Amino acid sequence: MKSEDLKYNELGLIPAIVQQFDTREVLMMAWMNAESVELTKSTQTTWFWSRSRGELWNKGATSGNVQRVKAIYYDCDEDCLLIEVDSPGVACHTGERSCFYRQM
């Protein structure tokens, strides 16, 4: 599958769920555009589109918690990604391992 064949929303974005490859722990959800998908594929580290800053960001470039890509999957509708990574550090900007650390 080529990144341009995915189904992006009206803003040119696609949701990406990031999961630790060996434990299956869900670490985070972020938005990607076609460029960040291609950068993720070519560098084997995760790249996302920041809606608030309006720019690309490479996860871990500042914090050092780089996510090494193991596999990229797309769903049956081709409008959501699952990215399996090796993430040795925290994934959440709050300092938590996962962004999903709170329960309702």
Protein backbone atom coordinates (compact mmCIF):
# COMPACT_ATOMS: atom_id res chain seq x y z
CA MET A 1 0.00 0.00 0.00
CA LYS A 2 1.30 3.42 -0.94
CA SER A 3 0.69 6.31 1.43
CA GLU A 4 -1.22 8.22 -1.24
CA ASP A 5 -3.68 5.29 -1.56
CA LEU A 6 -4.80 5.58 2.06
CA LYS A 7 -8.08 7.36 2.83
CA TYR A 8 -7.32 10.63 4.59
CA ASN A 9 -9.96 12.87 6.14
CA GLU A 10 -10.94 16.27 4.74
CA LEU A 11 -7.85 17.81 6.39
CA GLY A 12 -5.55 15.30 4.71
CA LEU A 13 -4.98 13.38 7.96
CA ILE A 14 -5.30 9.77 9.08
CA PRO A 15 -5.36 8.54 12.70
CA ALA A 16 -2.49 6.31 13.81
CA ILE A 17 -2.55 4.09 16.87
CA VAL A 18 0.94 3.37 18.21
CA GLN A 19 1.46 0.07 20.01
CA GLN A 20 4.48 -1.54 21.71
CA PHE A 21 5.29 -4.47 19.43
CA ASP A 22 6.03 -7.14 22.05
CA THR A 23 3.57 -6.34 24.85
CA ARG A 24 0.76 -4.96 22.63
CA GLU A 25 0.45 -2.01 25.00
CA VAL A 26 -1.32 0.91 23.31
CA LEU A 27 1.01 3.87 23.73
CA MET A 28 -0.61 6.75 21.90
CA MET A 29 -2.79 8.00 19.07
CA ALA A 30 -1.64 10.75 16.75
CA TRP A 31 -2.47 12.15 13.32
CA MET A 32 -0.42 11.56 10.19
CA ASN A 33 -0.47 13.08 6.72
CA ALA A 34 0.95 11.48 3.58
CA GLU A 35 4.37 13.06 4.19
CA SER A 36 4.61 11.78 7.76
CA VAL A 37 3.58 8.30 6.62
CA GLU A 38 6.36 8.32 4.02
CA LEU A 39 8.91 9.66 6.54
CA THR A 40 7.89 6.95 9.01
CA LYS A 41 8.36 4.29 6.34
CA SER A 42 11.71 5.61 5.13
CA THR A 43 13.31 6.42 8.50
CA GLN A 44 11.72 3.59 10.50
CA THR A 45 10.93 6.07 13.29
CA THR A 46 7.51 7.61 13.89
CA TRP A 47 6.61 10.97 12.34
CA PHE A 48 3.30 12.72 12.93
CA TRP A 49 1.43 15.88 11.96
CA SER A 50 0.86 18.31 14.81
CA ARG A 51 -2.53 19.93 14.32
CA SER A 52 -1.84 22.56 17.00
CA ARG A 53 1.56 23.59 15.62
CA GLY A 54 0.80 22.90 11.97
CA GLU A 55 4.05 21.01 11.42
CA LEU A 56 5.63 17.58 11.24
CA TRP A 57 7.24 16.13 14.34
CA ASN A 58 9.50 13.15 14.83
CA LYS A 59 8.51 11.36 18.05
CA GLY A 60 11.44 11.38 20.45
CA ALA A 61 13.60 13.86 18.57
CA THR A 62 13.49 16.23 21.56
CA SER A 63 12.87 13.83 24.47
CA GLY A 64 15.12 11.03 23.26
CA ASN A 65 12.22 8.55 23.46
CA VAL A 66 12.47 7.54 19.81
CA GLN A 67 9.98 4.95 18.58
CA ARG A 68 11.60 2.38 16.27
CA VAL A 69 9.04 1.05 13.78
CA LYS A 70 8.59 -2.72 13.58
CA ALA A 71 5.49 -2.84 11.33
CA ILE A 72 2.78 -0.61 9.88
CA TYR A 73 -0.75 -1.93 9.31
CA TYR A 74 -3.81 -0.30 7.81
CA ASP A 75 -7.41 -1.23 8.59
CA CYS A 76 -10.05 -2.73 6.32
CA ASP A 77 -11.38 0.71 5.35
CA GLU A 78 -7.85 2.03 4.68
CA ASP A 79 -8.57 5.04 6.92
CA CYS A 80 -6.67 4.19 10.11
CA LEU A 81 -3.14 2.98 10.84
CA LEU A 82 -1.68 0.73 13.51
CA ILE A 83 2.04 1.22 14.00
CA GLU A 84 3.95 -1.37 16.00
CA VAL A 85 7.07 0.10 17.56
CA ASP A 86 9.83 -0.56 20.03
CA SER A 87 9.44 2.34 22.43
CA PRO A 88 11.95 1.98 25.27
CA GLY A 89 10.91 5.19 27.03
CA VAL A 90 7.73 7.08 27.78
CA ALA A 91 5.32 7.83 24.96
CA CYS A 92 3.17 10.52 26.57
CA HIS A 93 4.16 14.18 26.84
CA THR A 94 3.04 14.02 30.50
CA GLY A 95 5.87 11.61 31.30
CA GLU A 96 3.62 8.54 31.43
CA ARG A 97 4.53 5.37 29.55
CA SER A 98 1.21 5.47 27.64
CA CYS A 99 -1.16 8.30 26.85
CA PHE A 100 -3.92 5.97 28.03
CA TYR A 101 -3.11 5.92 31.74
CA ARG A 102 -6.45 7.24 33.04
CA GLN A 103 -9.59 5.15 33.43
CA MET A 104 -13.17 6.47 33.37
